[in-house]
Amino acid sequence: MLDLALEEQLDELDPLRHLRQDASDDEHSPNSIVPHQPPSIRNQTIRLAFPSSPDRDPISIKLSVDASPGCGGIAWPAGEVLASYISRTASLDGKTVLELGSGTGLVGLVAGKLGARVCITDQAPLLDIMKRNVSLNGLESRVSVAELNWGEPIPDSIPEPDLVLAADCVYFEPAFPLLVKTLVDLVHDLSTEVLFCYKKRRKADKRFFALLKKEFSWQEVADDPQREAYSRDAISLLRLSRRK
């Protein structure tokens, strides 16, 4: 395994190298979490399936992926881990859910299929692909799309959530304080749940969690039977709680 300092240097030179590295694996390998998506991909559709609770059918998601707006237009492993977890464990009927840094909208789409009212959010360049994926899955009545730039005031059009979902948001170091501010602005009520999934890639991640610690406490989600498998890929699923 590469030293973390070297990992950071390589990430600066090639931010998508982890994706290319994953794509070189055997597609049938248990370590291959999402379908192969070369960084040059344009307007292609993949399908992901998630096991559900015993009283529900498995959840199938059609996902348009497109790297042209940036790396957010591709499905990433932590997003699938979080989507898989809520598909098997969460009771979301009637709940209001907001996804941060949605990218393709994968996690929010799964929440919509579970009966939640969902708002998936990201920056302007990704809104079109998110809208396309809402339509592909017939979720227009349940899932809305909104622009949300971290660090800026929460638009009035974005509902106050019962549950905040965030996957693969710890990536760009200058955005760390902005992400923490947005989490603080969203979580007014101590009962608001936050599920936060990320893949450890560099030493800079520690700086994000040092900032987060001032406002939130957290613990690893322990009731996920897949935890051991994705932990080997340096992915963690956390439940965040606002500090009093």
C-alpha atoms as a PDB file:
ATOM      1  CA  MET A   1       0.000   0.000   0.000  1.00  0.00           C
ATOM      2  CA  LEU A   2       1.305   3.438  -0.922  1.00  0.00           C
ATOM      3  CA  ASP A   3       2.353   5.888   1.764  1.00  0.00           C
ATOM      4  CA  LEU A   4      -0.392   8.479   2.381  1.00  0.00           C
ATOM      5  CA  ALA A   5       1.938  11.399   1.561  1.00  0.00           C
ATOM      6  CA  LEU A   6       2.626   9.840  -1.833  1.00  0.00           C
ATOM      7  CA  GLU A   7      -1.107   9.174  -2.270  1.00  0.00           C
ATOM      8  CA  GLU A   8      -1.751  12.901  -1.774  1.00  0.00           C
ATOM      9  CA  GLN A   9       0.847  13.875  -4.372  1.00  0.00           C
ATOM     10  CA  LEU A  10      -0.581  11.440  -6.900  1.00  0.00           C
ATOM     11  CA  ASP A  11      -4.123  12.692  -6.223  1.00  0.00           C
ATOM     12  CA  GLU A  12      -3.074  16.251  -7.008  1.00  0.00           C
ATOM     13  CA  LEU A  13      -1.624  15.147 -10.334  1.00  0.00           C
ATOM     14  CA  ASP A  14      -4.562  12.924 -11.271  1.00  0.00           C
ATOM     15  CA  PRO A  15      -7.770  13.338  -9.188  1.00  0.00           C
ATOM     16  CA  LEU A  16      -9.475  10.432 -10.988  1.00  0.00           C
ATOM     17  CA  ARG A  17      -6.669   7.920 -10.644  1.00  0.00           C
ATOM     18  CA  HIS A  18      -8.580   5.898  -8.010  1.00  0.00           C
ATOM     19  CA  LEU A  19     -11.351   5.355 -10.522  1.00  0.00           C
ATOM     20  CA  ARG A  20      -8.903   4.236 -13.203  1.00  0.00           C
ATOM     21  CA  GLN A  21      -7.248   1.951 -10.674  1.00  0.00           C
ATOM     22  CA  ASP A  22     -10.591   0.353  -9.781  1.00  0.00           C
ATOM     23  CA  ALA A  23     -11.455  -0.051 -13.459  1.00  0.00           C
ATOM     24  CA  SER A  24      -8.350  -2.150 -14.020  1.00  0.00           C
ATOM     25  CA  ASP A  25      -9.618  -4.792 -11.595  1.00  0.00           C
ATOM     26  CA  ASP A  26     -11.437  -7.893 -12.743  1.00  0.00           C
ATOM     27  CA  GLU A  27     -15.088  -6.862 -13.041  1.00  0.00           C
ATOM     28  CA  HIS A  28     -16.089 -10.040 -11.227  1.00  0.00           C
ATOM     29  CA  SER A  29     -13.767  -9.364  -8.315  1.00  0.00           C
ATOM     30  CA  PRO A  30     -15.523  -8.893  -4.939  1.00  0.00           C
ATOM     31  CA  ASN A  31     -13.590  -5.622  -4.609  1.00  0.00           C
ATOM     32  CA  SER A  32     -15.318  -4.176  -7.699  1.00  0.00           C
ATOM     33  CA  ILE A  33     -18.145  -2.213  -6.131  1.00  0.00           C
ATOM     34  CA  VAL A  34     -19.541  -0.149  -9.010  1.00  0.00           C
ATOM     35  CA  PRO A  35     -19.586  -0.996 -12.722  1.00  0.00           C
ATOM     36  CA  HIS A  36     -16.589   0.143 -14.734  1.00  0.00           C
ATOM     37  CA  GLN A  37     -16.828   3.802 -15.691  1.00  0.00           C
ATOM     38  CA  PRO A  38     -13.786   5.105 -17.580  1.00  0.00           C
ATOM     39  CA  PRO A  39     -13.121   8.818 -16.908  1.00  0.00           C
ATOM     40  CA  SER A  40     -13.831   9.496 -20.590  1.00  0.00           C
ATOM     41  CA  ILE A  41     -17.398   8.172 -20.294  1.00  0.00           C
ATOM     42  CA  ARG A  42     -20.116  10.307 -21.867  1.00  0.00           C
ATOM     43  CA  ASN A  43     -23.882   9.855 -21.527  1.00  0.00           C
ATOM     44  CA  GLN A  44     -23.957   6.165 -20.759  1.00  0.00           C
ATOM     45  CA  THR A  45     -26.435   4.289 -18.572  1.00  0.00           C
ATOM     46  CA  ILE A  46     -25.602   1.689 -15.944  1.00  0.00           C
ATOM     47  CA  ARG A  47     -27.927  -0.292 -13.712  1.00  0.00           C
ATOM     48  CA  LEU A  48     -27.386  -0.950 -10.016  1.00  0.00           C
ATOM     49  CA  ALA A  49     -29.452  -3.312  -7.858  1.00  0.00           C
ATOM     50  CA  PHE A  50     -29.738  -3.261  -4.077  1.00  0.00           C
ATOM     51  CA  PRO A  51     -31.138  -5.951  -1.778  1.00  0.00           C
ATOM     52  CA  SER A  52     -33.980  -4.679   0.342  1.00  0.00           C
ATOM     53  CA  SER A  53     -35.734  -5.645   3.547  1.00  0.00           C
ATOM     54  CA  PRO A  54     -37.618  -8.993   3.524  1.00  0.00           C
ATOM     55  CA  ASP A  55     -40.997  -7.309   2.927  1.00  0.00           C
ATOM     56  CA  ARG A  56     -39.793  -5.335  -0.115  1.00  0.00           C
ATOM     57  CA  ASP A  57     -38.631  -6.213  -3.607  1.00  0.00           C
ATOM     58  CA  PRO A  58     -34.982  -5.503  -4.472  1.00  0.00           C
ATOM     59  CA  ILE A  59     -34.375  -1.905  -5.552  1.00  0.00           C
ATOM     60  CA  SER A  60     -33.156  -1.347  -9.104  1.00  0.00           C
ATOM     61  CA  ILE A  61     -31.733   1.996 -10.205  1.00  0.00           C
ATOM     62  CA  LYS A  62     -30.968   3.139 -13.732  1.00  0.00           C
ATOM     63  CA  LEU A  63     -28.151   5.656 -13.631  1.00  0.00           C
ATOM     64  CA  SER A  64     -26.980   7.978 -16.367  1.00  0.00           C
ATOM     65  CA  VAL A  65     -23.258   8.588 -15.861  1.00  0.00           C
ATOM     66  CA  ASP A  66     -21.264  11.314 -17.565  1.00  0.00           C
ATOM     67  CA  ALA A  67     -17.778  12.512 -16.651  1.00  0.00           C
ATOM     68  CA  SER A  68     -18.031  15.719 -18.664  1.00  0.00           C
ATOM     69  CA  PRO A  69     -19.406  17.831 -15.744  1.00  0.00           C
ATOM     70  CA  GLY A  70     -16.613  16.455 -13.507  1.00  0.00           C
ATOM     71  CA  CYS A  71     -16.026  13.472 -11.250  1.00  0.00           C
ATOM     72  CA  GLY A  72     -19.432  13.993  -9.597  1.00  0.00           C
ATOM     73  CA  GLY A  73     -21.090  12.636 -12.733  1.00  0.00           C
ATOM     74  CA  ILE A  74     -19.791   9.137 -12.005  1.00  0.00           C
ATOM     75  CA  ALA A  75     -20.975   6.621  -9.399  1.00  0.00           C
ATOM     76  CA  TRP A  76     -18.453   6.205  -6.586  1.00  0.00           C
ATOM     77  CA  PRO A  77     -18.036   3.325  -4.107  1.00  0.00           C
ATOM     78  CA  ALA A  78     -19.063   5.144  -0.909  1.00  0.00           C
ATOM     79  CA  GLY A  79     -22.293   6.180  -2.596  1.00  0.00           C
ATOM     80  CA  GLU A  80     -23.148   2.575  -3.310  1.00  0.00           C
ATOM     81  CA  VAL A  81     -22.257   1.555   0.244  1.00  0.00           C
ATOM     82  CA  LEU A  82     -24.631   4.182   1.671  1.00  0.00           C
ATOM     83  CA  ALA A  83     -27.365   3.345  -0.854  1.00  0.00           C
ATOM     84  CA  SER A  84     -27.050  -0.338  -0.020  1.00  0.00           C
ATOM     85  CA  TYR A  85     -27.251   0.346   3.714  1.00  0.00           C
ATOM     86  CA  ILE A  86     -30.427   2.423   3.579  1.00  0.00           C
ATOM     87  CA  SER A  87     -32.050  -0.001   1.145  1.00  0.00           C
ATOM     88  CA  ARG A  88     -31.721  -2.818   3.676  1.00  0.00           C
ATOM     89  CA  THR A  89     -32.213  -1.040   6.982  1.00  0.00           C
ATOM     90  CA  ALA A  90     -34.000   2.293   6.682  1.00  0.00           C
ATOM     91  CA  SER A  91     -37.705   2.957   7.136  1.00  0.00           C
ATOM     92  CA  LEU A  92     -38.167   6.144   5.149  1.00  0.00           C
ATOM     93  CA  ASP A  93     -41.890   6.230   4.356  1.00  0.00           C
ATOM     94  CA  GLY A  94     -43.094   9.795   4.860  1.00  0.00           C
ATOM     95  CA  LYS A  95     -39.690  11.167   5.857  1.00  0.00           C
ATOM     96  CA  THR A  96     -38.012  14.196   4.304  1.00  0.00           C
ATOM     97  CA  VAL A  97     -34.513  13.378   3.098  1.00  0.00           C
ATOM     98  CA  LEU A  98     -31.805  15.653   1.736  1.00  0.00           C
ATOM     99  CA  GLU A  99     -28.699  14.394  -0.033  1.00  0.00           C
ATOM    100  CA  LEU A 100     -25.572  16.556  -0.120  1.00  0.00           C
ATOM    101  CA  GLY A 101     -23.121  16.405  -3.015  1.00  0.00           C
ATOM    102  CA  SER A 102     -25.471  14.070  -4.849  1.00  0.00           C
ATOM    103  CA  GLY A 103     -23.549  13.906  -8.146  1.00  0.00           C
ATOM    104  CA  THR A 104     -25.603  11.390 -10.097  1.00  0.00           C
ATOM    105  CA  GLY A 105     -28.237  11.328  -7.335  1.00  0.00           C
ATOM    106  CA  LEU A 106     -27.809   7.613  -6.647  1.00  0.00           C
ATOM    107  CA  VAL A 107     -28.308   7.630  -2.870  1.00  0.00           C
ATOM    108  CA  GLY A 108     -31.261  10.013  -3.013  1.00  0.00           C
ATOM    109  CA  LEU A 109     -32.902   7.944  -5.739  1.00  0.00           C
ATOM    110  CA  VAL A 110     -32.750   4.862  -3.515  1.00  0.00           C
ATOM    111  CA  ALA A 111     -34.281   6.903  -0.674  1.00  0.00           C
ATOM    112  CA  GLY A 112     -37.074   7.934  -3.051  1.00  0.00           C
ATOM    113  CA  LYS A 113     -37.757   4.311  -3.935  1.00  0.00           C
ATOM    114  CA  LEU A 114     -38.039   3.649  -0.193  1.00  0.00           C
ATOM    115  CA  GLY A 115     -40.940   6.091   0.100  1.00  0.00           C
ATOM    116  CA  ALA A 116     -39.180   9.275   1.238  1.00  0.00           C
ATOM    117  CA  ARG A 117     -39.681  12.792  -0.059  1.00  0.00           C
ATOM    118  CA  VAL A 118     -36.190  13.583  -1.260  1.00  0.00           C
ATOM    119  CA  CYS A 119     -34.237  16.643  -2.337  1.00  0.00           C
ATOM    120  CA  ILE A 120     -30.969  15.816  -4.097  1.00  0.00           C
ATOM    121  CA  THR A 121     -28.493  18.691  -4.239  1.00  0.00           C
ATOM    122  CA  ASP A 122     -25.220  19.637  -5.851  1.00  0.00           C
ATOM    123  CA  GLN A 123     -23.587  22.434  -7.835  1.00  0.00           C
ATOM    124  CA  ALA A 124     -25.076  23.767 -11.064  1.00  0.00           C
ATOM    125  CA  PRO A 125     -23.026  21.672 -13.563  1.00  0.00           C
ATOM    126  CA  LEU A 126     -24.512  18.452 -12.148  1.00  0.00           C
ATOM    127  CA  LEU A 127     -28.175  19.444 -12.030  1.00  0.00           C
ATOM    128  CA  ASP A 128     -28.937  18.172 -15.533  1.00  0.00           C
ATOM    129  CA  ILE A 129     -27.602  14.663 -14.909  1.00  0.00           C
ATOM    130  CA  MET A 130     -29.494  14.528 -11.601  1.00  0.00           C
ATOM    131  CA  LYS A 131     -32.746  15.543 -13.321  1.00  0.00           C
ATOM    132  CA  ARG A 132     -32.122  12.955 -16.017  1.00  0.00           C
ATOM    133  CA  ASN A 133     -31.702  10.223 -13.410  1.00  0.00           C
ATOM    134  CA  VAL A 134     -34.869  11.242 -11.556  1.00  0.00           C
ATOM    135  CA  SER A 135     -36.750  10.880 -14.832  1.00  0.00           C
ATOM    136  CA  LEU A 136     -35.053   7.583 -15.762  1.00  0.00           C
ATOM    137  CA  ASN A 137     -36.373   6.072 -12.539  1.00  0.00           C
ATOM    138  CA  GLY A 138     -39.855   7.599 -12.671  1.00  0.00           C
ATOM    139  CA  LEU A 139     -39.375   9.443  -9.393  1.00  0.00           C
ATOM    140  CA  GLU A 140     -40.513  12.941 -10.368  1.00  0.00           C
ATOM    141  CA  SER A 141     -43.273  12.865  -7.755  1.00  0.00           C
ATOM    142  CA  ARG A 142     -40.887  11.986  -4.932  1.00  0.00           C
ATOM    143  CA  VAL A 143     -37.441  13.387  -5.756  1.00  0.00           C
ATOM    144  CA  SER A 144     -36.668  17.047  -6.461  1.00  0.00           C
ATOM    145  CA  VAL A 145     -33.377  18.548  -7.637  1.00  0.00           C
ATOM    146  CA  ALA A 146     -31.873  21.736  -6.215  1.00  0.00           C
ATOM    147  CA  GLU A 147     -28.639  23.680  -6.442  1.00  0.00           C
ATOM    148  CA  LEU A 148     -26.829  23.912  -3.125  1.00  0.00           C
ATOM    149  CA  ASN A 149     -23.349  25.369  -2.865  1.00  0.00           C
ATOM    150  CA  TRP A 150     -21.697  24.442   0.406  1.00  0.00           C
ATOM    151  CA  GLY A 151     -21.027  27.371   2.691  1.00  0.00           C
ATOM    152  CA  GLU A 152     -23.812  29.505   1.207  1.00  0.00           C
ATOM    153  CA  PRO A 153     -27.202  30.097   2.900  1.00  0.00           C
ATOM    154  CA  ILE A 154     -29.652  27.234   2.476  1.00  0.00           C
ATOM    155  CA  PRO A 155     -32.211  28.267  -0.194  1.00  0.00           C
ATOM    156  CA  ASP A 156     -35.794  28.613   1.026  1.00  0.00           C
ATOM    157  CA  SER A 157     -36.843  26.036  -1.580  1.00  0.00           C
ATOM    158  CA  ILE A 158     -34.906  23.286   0.219  1.00  0.00           C
ATOM    159  CA  PRO A 159     -37.048  21.590   2.899  1.00  0.00           C
ATOM    160  CA  GLU A 160     -35.868  20.995   6.439  1.00  0.00           C
ATOM    161  CA  PRO A 161     -34.789  17.329   6.476  1.00  0.00           C
ATOM    162  CA  ASP A 162     -35.437  14.493   8.884  1.00  0.00           C
ATOM    163  CA  LEU A 163     -32.405  12.727   7.426  1.00  0.00           C
ATOM    164  CA  VAL A 164     -29.279  14.062   5.709  1.00  0.00           C
ATOM    165  CA  LEU A 165     -27.303  11.718   3.454  1.00  0.00           C
ATOM    166  CA  ALA A 166     -23.761  12.410   2.271  1.00  0.00           C
ATOM    167  CA  ALA A 167     -21.392  10.097   0.403  1.00  0.00           C
ATOM    168  CA  ASP A 168     -17.981  10.788  -1.127  1.00  0.00           C
ATOM    169  CA  CYS A 169     -18.061  14.426  -0.025  1.00  0.00           C
ATOM    170  CA  VAL A 170     -14.620  14.453   1.642  1.00  0.00           C
ATOM    171  CA  TYR A 171     -12.469  15.090  -1.380  1.00  0.00           C
ATOM    172  CA  PHE A 172     -11.554  18.731  -2.101  1.00  0.00           C
ATOM    173  CA  GLU A 173      -9.717  20.227   0.864  1.00  0.00           C
ATOM    174  CA  PRO A 174     -10.714  23.908   0.364  1.00  0.00           C
ATOM    175  CA  ALA A 175     -14.363  22.781   0.593  1.00  0.00           C
ATOM    176  CA  PHE A 176     -13.950  21.145   4.021  1.00  0.00           C
ATOM    177  CA  PRO A 177     -15.058  24.178   6.130  1.00  0.00           C
ATOM    178  CA  LEU A 178     -17.851  24.907   3.648  1.00  0.00           C
ATOM    179  CA  LEU A 179     -19.229  21.368   3.976  1.00  0.00           C
ATOM    180  CA  VAL A 180     -19.138  21.582   7.776  1.00  0.00           C
ATOM    181  CA  LYS A 181     -20.973  24.936   7.685  1.00  0.00           C
ATOM    182  CA  THR A 182     -23.692  23.486   5.459  1.00  0.00           C
ATOM    183  CA  LEU A 183     -24.115  20.480   7.750  1.00  0.00           C
ATOM    184  CA  VAL A 184     -24.477  22.858  10.706  1.00  0.00           C
ATOM    185  CA  ASP A 185     -27.039  24.975   8.834  1.00  0.00           C
ATOM    186  CA  LEU A 186     -29.094  21.890   7.949  1.00  0.00           C
ATOM    187  CA  VAL A 187     -29.080  20.193  11.340  1.00  0.00           C
ATOM    188  CA  HIS A 188     -30.964  22.529  13.677  1.00  0.00           C
ATOM    189  CA  ASP A 189     -32.878  19.806  15.477  1.00  0.00           C
ATOM    190  CA  LEU A 190     -30.797  17.370  17.508  1.00  0.00           C
ATOM    191  CA  SER A 191     -33.113  14.591  16.324  1.00  0.00           C
ATOM    192  CA  THR A 192     -32.067  15.100  12.670  1.00  0.00           C
ATOM    193  CA  GLU A 193     -30.090  12.061  11.561  1.00  0.00           C
ATOM    194  CA  VAL A 194     -26.988  12.310   9.371  1.00  0.00           C
ATOM    195  CA  LEU A 195     -25.522   9.298   7.572  1.00  0.00           C
ATOM    196  CA  PHE A 196     -22.075  10.092   6.239  1.00  0.00           C
ATOM    197  CA  CYS A 197     -20.054   7.677   4.103  1.00  0.00           C
ATOM    198  CA  TYR A 198     -16.548   8.348   2.840  1.00  0.00           C
ATOM    199  CA  LYS A 199     -13.489   6.636   1.447  1.00  0.00           C
ATOM    200  CA  LYS A 200     -10.199   7.497   3.124  1.00  0.00           C
ATOM    201  CA  ARG A 201      -7.736   8.619   0.476  1.00  0.00           C
ATOM    202  CA  ARG A 202      -5.285  11.048   2.026  1.00  0.00           C
ATOM    203  CA  LYS A 203      -3.930  12.564   5.228  1.00  0.00           C
ATOM    204  CA  ALA A 204      -5.924  15.731   4.571  1.00  0.00           C
ATOM    205  CA  ASP A 205      -9.074  13.842   5.608  1.00  0.00           C
ATOM    206  CA  LYS A 206      -7.949  14.350   9.212  1.00  0.00           C
ATOM    207  CA  ARG A 207      -8.301  18.111   8.772  1.00  0.00           C
ATOM    208  CA  PHE A 208     -11.916  17.673   7.743  1.00  0.00           C
ATOM    209  CA  PHE A 209     -12.722  15.600  10.803  1.00  0.00           C
ATOM    210  CA  ALA A 210     -10.909  18.078  13.056  1.00  0.00           C
ATOM    211  CA  LEU A 211     -13.295  20.765  11.760  1.00  0.00           C
ATOM    212  CA  LEU A 212     -16.307  18.468  11.996  1.00  0.00           C
ATOM    213  CA  LYS A 213     -15.493  17.576  15.612  1.00  0.00           C
ATOM    214  CA  LYS A 214     -16.209  21.149  16.706  1.00  0.00           C
ATOM    215  CA  GLU A 215     -19.867  20.774  15.730  1.00  0.00           C
ATOM    216  CA  PHE A 216     -20.644  17.048  15.552  1.00  0.00           C
ATOM    217  CA  SER A 217     -19.837  13.786  17.260  1.00  0.00           C
ATOM    218  CA  TRP A 218     -20.026  10.512  15.356  1.00  0.00           C
ATOM    219  CA  GLN A 219     -19.840   6.775  15.570  1.00  0.00           C
ATOM    220  CA  GLU A 220     -19.390   4.064  12.981  1.00  0.00           C
ATOM    221  CA  VAL A 221     -22.571   2.344  11.894  1.00  0.00           C
ATOM    222  CA  ALA A 222     -22.232  -1.063  13.524  1.00  0.00           C
ATOM    223  CA  ASP A 223     -25.371  -2.842  12.296  1.00  0.00           C
ATOM    224  CA  ASP A 224     -24.282  -3.218   8.666  1.00  0.00           C
ATOM    225  CA  PRO A 225     -23.391  -6.848   7.814  1.00  0.00           C
ATOM    226  CA  GLN A 226     -21.346  -5.595   4.855  1.00  0.00           C
ATOM    227  CA  ARG A 227     -19.172  -3.402   7.045  1.00  0.00           C
ATOM    228  CA  GLU A 228     -16.193  -5.755   7.115  1.00  0.00           C
ATOM    229  CA  ALA A 229     -16.118  -5.990   3.312  1.00  0.00           C
ATOM    230  CA  TYR A 230     -16.129  -2.272   2.563  1.00  0.00           C
ATOM    231  CA  SER A 231     -13.842  -1.449   5.490  1.00  0.00           C
ATOM    232  CA  ARG A 232     -11.120  -3.344   3.639  1.00  0.00           C
ATOM    233  CA  ASP A 233     -11.506  -0.734   0.890  1.00  0.00           C
ATOM    234  CA  ALA A 234     -10.982   2.091   3.443  1.00  0.00           C
ATOM    235  CA  ILE A 235     -14.681   3.065   3.359  1.00  0.00           C
ATOM    236  CA  SER A 236     -16.401   4.147   6.576  1.00  0.00           C
ATOM    237  CA  LEU A 237     -20.100   4.689   7.234  1.00  0.00           C
ATOM    238  CA  LEU A 238     -20.741   7.092  10.110  1.00  0.00           C
ATOM    239  CA  ARG A 239     -23.772   8.376  11.991  1.00  0.00           C
ATOM    240  CA  LEU A 240     -23.286  12.026  12.899  1.00  0.00           C
ATOM    241  CA  SER A 241     -24.934  13.781  15.869  1.00  0.00           C
ATOM    242  CA  ARG A 242     -24.971  17.531  16.434  1.00  0.00           C
ATOM    243  CA  ARG A 243     -23.172  18.604  19.605  1.00  0.00           C
ATOM    244  CA  LYS A 244     -25.359  20.335  22.193  1.00  0.00           C
END
